[in-house]
Structure formats: structure tokens, C-alpha cells
Amino acid sequence: MDPEATLQSAERALKRGDKSTAYEYLEYYTEWRQGGGFEPERGDERASEIWEIISDEYGEDPHGYEEHYEGYDGNPKTIKKLKAKLLR
């Protein structure tokens, strides 16, 4: 797994307006970091910025976030809190 390439793919998807694909790439990145994978330069910050854009627009869970991360309630602010917890 190349976390830099994954983030770049998420950023490109977001620029195309494909938020669903961007979300999927961010899930891969989050799993990588949770598993102890290294952070590319500003990786967590970039991921957080993309998450912020996606959560603001969706306001919901397009890919079953609740199934993967206990505590998700559909609120964009909750996503932000869970992300911070997951990326520690």
C-alpha cells in the first residue's frame, strides 16, 4: 500500500466530483494508518481536509462507515471526532 498514491487518488477523485471514490480511498488510508503504517508528508492533515469536504456535503454515511467504526451516528461532527481518534 502506498499511502501517498492513495491520498493523491482521493484528491483526484474529489477534483472530478467523485466523492464516493474519494471516500473509499480515504477508508484505505485510514486503515493503513490504524494498522501502524507510516504517514506521508502532511498525510493525516490532507486526509482530514478531504474528510471535511466529504462529510459537509454528504452529512450521511455513503459507504457504511457505521458498520466499520463503532459510534458513527450520521453527524458530520461525529465523523471528524472518530477520524481524529482513528488517526492517533
N, C-alpha and C. Protein backbone atom coordinates (compact mmCIF):
# COMPACT_ATOMS: atom_id res chain seq x y z
N MET A 1 0.85 -1.18 0.00
CA MET A 1 0.00 0.00 0.00
C MET A 1 0.89 1.23 0.00
N ASP A 2 0.62 2.14 -0.88
CA ASP A 2 1.36 3.40 -0.97
C ASP A 2 0.42 4.51 -0.48
N PRO A 3 0.61 4.97 0.76
CA PRO A 3 -0.32 5.96 1.29
C PRO A 3 -0.32 7.28 0.52
N GLU A 4 0.83 7.67 -0.02
CA GLU A 4 0.89 8.91 -0.81
C GLU A 4 0.04 8.77 -2.08
N ALA A 5 0.20 7.67 -2.78
CA ALA A 5 -0.59 7.44 -4.00
C ALA A 5 -2.08 7.34 -3.68
N THR A 6 -2.40 6.75 -2.54
CA THR A 6 -3.80 6.63 -2.13
C THR A 6 -4.41 8.01 -1.89
N LEU A 7 -3.68 8.87 -1.19
CA LEU A 7 -4.18 10.23 -0.95
C LEU A 7 -4.29 11.02 -2.26
N GLN A 8 -3.32 10.85 -3.13
CA GLN A 8 -3.39 11.54 -4.42
C GLN A 8 -4.61 11.08 -5.21
N SER A 9 -4.91 9.79 -5.16
CA SER A 9 -6.10 9.26 -5.84
C SER A 9 -7.37 9.85 -5.24
N ALA A 10 -7.40 9.99 -3.92
CA ALA A 10 -8.56 10.60 -3.26
C ALA A 10 -8.71 12.05 -3.68
N GLU A 11 -7.60 12.76 -3.75
CA GLU A 11 -7.65 14.16 -4.16
C GLU A 11 -8.12 14.31 -5.61
N ARG A 12 -7.62 13.44 -6.49
CA ARG A 12 -8.05 13.49 -7.89
C ARG A 12 -9.55 13.18 -8.01
N ALA A 13 -10.01 12.18 -7.26
CA ALA A 13 -11.43 11.82 -7.29
C ALA A 13 -12.28 13.00 -6.83
N LEU A 14 -11.84 13.67 -5.79
CA LEU A 14 -12.58 14.82 -5.28
C LEU A 14 -12.62 15.95 -6.32
N LYS A 15 -11.51 16.18 -7.01
CA LYS A 15 -11.48 17.22 -8.05
C LYS A 15 -12.43 16.89 -9.19
N ARG A 16 -12.62 15.59 -9.47
CA ARG A 16 -13.56 15.17 -10.50
C ARG A 16 -15.01 15.23 -10.01
N GLY A 17 -15.17 15.44 -8.71
CA GLY A 17 -16.51 15.46 -8.14
C GLY A 17 -17.00 14.09 -7.72
N ASP A 18 -16.11 13.11 -7.72
CA ASP A 18 -16.45 11.74 -7.37
C ASP A 18 -16.17 11.51 -5.87
N LYS A 19 -17.07 12.01 -5.05
CA LYS A 19 -16.88 11.95 -3.61
C LYS A 19 -16.92 10.52 -3.07
N SER A 20 -17.70 9.67 -3.71
CA SER A 20 -17.80 8.28 -3.27
C SER A 20 -16.44 7.58 -3.40
N THR A 21 -15.76 7.79 -4.52
CA THR A 21 -14.44 7.18 -4.73
C THR A 21 -13.42 7.80 -3.78
N ALA A 22 -13.49 9.10 -3.59
CA ALA A 22 -12.58 9.76 -2.65
C ALA A 22 -12.75 9.16 -1.25
N TYR A 23 -13.99 8.92 -0.88
CA TYR A 23 -14.29 8.32 0.42
C TYR A 23 -13.65 6.94 0.54
N GLU A 24 -13.76 6.14 -0.51
CA GLU A 24 -13.17 4.80 -0.49
C GLU A 24 -11.66 4.87 -0.30
N TYR A 25 -10.99 5.76 -1.02
CA TYR A 25 -9.54 5.90 -0.86
C TYR A 25 -9.18 6.34 0.55
N LEU A 26 -9.99 7.22 1.13
CA LEU A 26 -9.71 7.65 2.50
C LEU A 26 -9.93 6.52 3.49
N GLU A 27 -10.85 5.63 3.21
CA GLU A 27 -11.02 4.46 4.07
C GLU A 27 -9.75 3.61 4.04
N TYR A 28 -9.18 3.41 2.83
CA TYR A 28 -7.93 2.64 2.71
C TYR A 28 -6.81 3.32 3.50
N TYR A 29 -6.72 4.63 3.36
CA TYR A 29 -5.68 5.38 4.06
C TYR A 29 -5.85 5.25 5.57
N THR A 30 -7.08 5.39 6.05
CA THR A 30 -7.34 5.29 7.48
C THR A 30 -6.98 3.91 8.02
N GLU A 31 -7.34 2.87 7.28
CA GLU A 31 -6.99 1.51 7.69
C GLU A 31 -5.47 1.34 7.73
N TRP A 32 -4.79 1.91 6.76
CA TRP A 32 -3.32 1.85 6.72
C TRP A 32 -2.72 2.49 7.98
N ARG A 33 -3.21 3.68 8.33
CA ARG A 33 -2.68 4.38 9.50
C ARG A 33 -3.05 3.66 10.79
N GLN A 34 -4.27 3.13 10.86
CA GLN A 34 -4.68 2.38 12.05
C GLN A 34 -3.79 1.16 12.26
N GLY A 35 -3.35 0.56 11.17
CA GLY A 35 -2.51 -0.63 11.25
C GLY A 35 -1.05 -0.31 11.53
N GLY A 36 -0.74 0.96 11.77
CA GLY A 36 0.63 1.33 12.11
C GLY A 36 1.45 1.79 10.91
N GLY A 37 0.81 1.95 9.75
CA GLY A 37 1.52 2.42 8.57
C GLY A 37 2.00 3.85 8.73
N PHE A 38 3.11 4.16 8.04
CA PHE A 38 3.69 5.49 8.15
C PHE A 38 2.81 6.55 7.49
N GLU A 39 3.02 7.79 7.94
CA GLU A 39 2.29 8.92 7.39
C GLU A 39 3.16 9.63 6.36
N PRO A 40 2.68 9.78 5.13
CA PRO A 40 3.42 10.59 4.19
C PRO A 40 3.36 12.06 4.61
N GLU A 41 4.15 12.90 3.97
CA GLU A 41 4.18 14.30 4.35
C GLU A 41 2.79 14.92 4.37
N ARG A 42 2.40 15.46 5.53
CA ARG A 42 1.08 16.08 5.75
C ARG A 42 -0.07 15.13 5.44
N GLY A 43 0.17 13.84 5.49
CA GLY A 43 -0.83 12.86 5.12
C GLY A 43 -2.11 12.94 5.93
N ASP A 44 -1.99 12.95 7.24
CA ASP A 44 -3.18 12.99 8.08
C ASP A 44 -3.92 14.32 7.92
N GLU A 45 -3.16 15.38 7.76
CA GLU A 45 -3.78 16.70 7.56
C GLU A 45 -4.55 16.74 6.24
N ARG A 46 -3.93 16.21 5.18
CA ARG A 46 -4.60 16.17 3.88
C ARG A 46 -5.85 15.29 3.93
N ALA A 47 -5.72 14.14 4.57
CA ALA A 47 -6.87 13.24 4.70
C ALA A 47 -8.00 13.94 5.46
N SER A 48 -7.65 14.65 6.52
CA SER A 48 -8.65 15.35 7.31
C SER A 48 -9.36 16.42 6.49
N GLU A 49 -8.61 17.13 5.65
CA GLU A 49 -9.22 18.16 4.80
C GLU A 49 -10.23 17.54 3.82
N ILE A 50 -9.87 16.40 3.24
CA ILE A 50 -10.78 15.74 2.30
C ILE A 50 -12.00 15.21 3.04
N TRP A 51 -11.78 14.60 4.21
CA TRP A 51 -12.90 14.11 5.02
C TRP A 51 -13.88 15.25 5.31
N GLU A 52 -13.32 16.41 5.63
CA GLU A 52 -14.15 17.57 5.98
C GLU A 52 -15.06 17.94 4.81
N ILE A 53 -14.52 17.98 3.61
CA ILE A 53 -15.32 18.32 2.42
C ILE A 53 -16.40 17.27 2.19
N ILE A 54 -16.03 16.03 2.29
CA ILE A 54 -16.99 14.94 2.04
C ILE A 54 -18.08 14.92 3.09
N SER A 55 -17.71 15.04 4.35
CA SER A 55 -18.72 14.97 5.42
C SER A 55 -19.66 16.17 5.37
N ASP A 56 -19.15 17.33 5.00
CA ASP A 56 -20.01 18.51 4.89
C ASP A 56 -21.06 18.32 3.80
N GLU A 57 -20.68 17.69 2.71
CA GLU A 57 -21.62 17.53 1.60
C GLU A 57 -22.55 16.34 1.79
N TYR A 58 -22.03 15.25 2.30
CA TYR A 58 -22.87 14.07 2.46
C TYR A 58 -23.77 14.18 3.67
N GLY A 59 -23.17 14.51 4.80
CA GLY A 59 -23.94 14.55 6.03
C GLY A 59 -24.44 13.18 6.43
N GLU A 60 -24.13 12.18 5.62
CA GLU A 60 -24.54 10.80 5.88
C GLU A 60 -23.36 9.88 5.62
N ASP A 61 -23.62 8.63 5.64
CA ASP A 61 -22.61 7.61 5.54
C ASP A 61 -22.72 6.86 4.21
N PRO A 62 -22.02 7.32 3.14
CA PRO A 62 -22.22 6.70 1.84
C PRO A 62 -21.67 5.28 1.69
N HIS A 63 -20.77 4.87 2.57
CA HIS A 63 -20.17 3.54 2.40
C HIS A 63 -20.26 2.66 3.64
N GLY A 64 -21.21 2.88 4.49
CA GLY A 64 -21.34 2.01 5.66
C GLY A 64 -20.31 2.28 6.73
N TYR A 65 -19.95 3.53 6.94
CA TYR A 65 -18.98 3.89 7.98
C TYR A 65 -19.40 3.31 9.32
N GLU A 66 -20.68 3.35 9.58
CA GLU A 66 -21.20 2.85 10.86
C GLU A 66 -20.86 1.39 11.06
N GLU A 67 -20.88 0.62 9.98
CA GLU A 67 -20.57 -0.80 10.09
C GLU A 67 -19.12 -1.02 10.46
N HIS A 68 -18.23 -0.11 10.03
CA HIS A 68 -16.80 -0.28 10.27
C HIS A 68 -16.32 0.38 11.55
N TYR A 69 -16.95 1.48 11.92
CA TYR A 69 -16.46 2.25 13.05
C TYR A 69 -17.58 2.50 14.05
N GLU A 70 -17.47 1.84 15.17
CA GLU A 70 -18.48 1.96 16.22
C GLU A 70 -18.59 3.41 16.67
N GLY A 71 -19.78 3.87 16.84
CA GLY A 71 -20.02 5.21 17.34
C GLY A 71 -20.45 6.20 16.29
N TYR A 72 -20.44 5.82 15.02
CA TYR A 72 -20.87 6.76 13.97
C TYR A 72 -22.38 6.91 14.02
N ASP A 73 -22.86 8.16 13.99
CA ASP A 73 -24.30 8.40 14.09
C ASP A 73 -24.85 9.22 12.92
N GLY A 74 -24.05 9.41 11.86
CA GLY A 74 -24.50 10.16 10.70
C GLY A 74 -24.23 11.65 10.77
N ASN A 75 -23.74 12.12 11.89
CA ASN A 75 -23.46 13.53 12.07
C ASN A 75 -22.03 13.83 11.58
N PRO A 76 -21.86 14.83 10.69
CA PRO A 76 -20.52 15.16 10.20
C PRO A 76 -19.52 15.48 11.31
N LYS A 77 -19.98 16.07 12.40
CA LYS A 77 -19.07 16.37 13.51
C LYS A 77 -18.58 15.09 14.17
N THR A 78 -19.43 14.06 14.17
CA THR A 78 -19.02 12.78 14.74
C THR A 78 -17.95 12.15 13.87
N ILE A 79 -18.08 12.27 12.56
CA ILE A 79 -17.06 11.73 11.65
C ILE A 79 -15.72 12.36 11.99
N LYS A 80 -15.70 13.66 12.17
CA LYS A 80 -14.46 14.37 12.48
C LYS A 80 -13.84 13.84 13.78
N LYS A 81 -14.65 13.64 14.79
CA LYS A 81 -14.15 13.13 16.07
C LYS A 81 -13.62 11.71 15.92
N LEU A 82 -14.36 10.87 15.19
CA LEU A 82 -13.92 9.49 15.01
C LEU A 82 -12.63 9.43 14.19
N LYS A 83 -12.53 10.28 13.18
CA LYS A 83 -11.31 10.33 12.37
C LYS A 83 -10.13 10.66 13.24
N ALA A 84 -10.27 11.68 14.06
CA ALA A 84 -9.18 12.09 14.93
C ALA A 84 -8.76 10.94 15.83
N LYS A 85 -9.73 10.23 16.36
CA LYS A 85 -9.45 9.09 17.23
C LYS A 85 -8.74 7.97 16.46
N LEU A 86 -9.21 7.71 15.24
CA LEU A 86 -8.63 6.63 14.45
C LEU A 86 -7.24 6.93 13.97
N LEU A 87 -6.93 8.19 13.74
CA LEU A 87 -5.63 8.55 13.17
C LEU A 87 -4.57 8.88 14.23
N ARG A 88 -4.90 8.71 15.48
CA ARG A 88 -3.92 8.97 16.55
C ARG A 88 -2.84 7.94 16.51
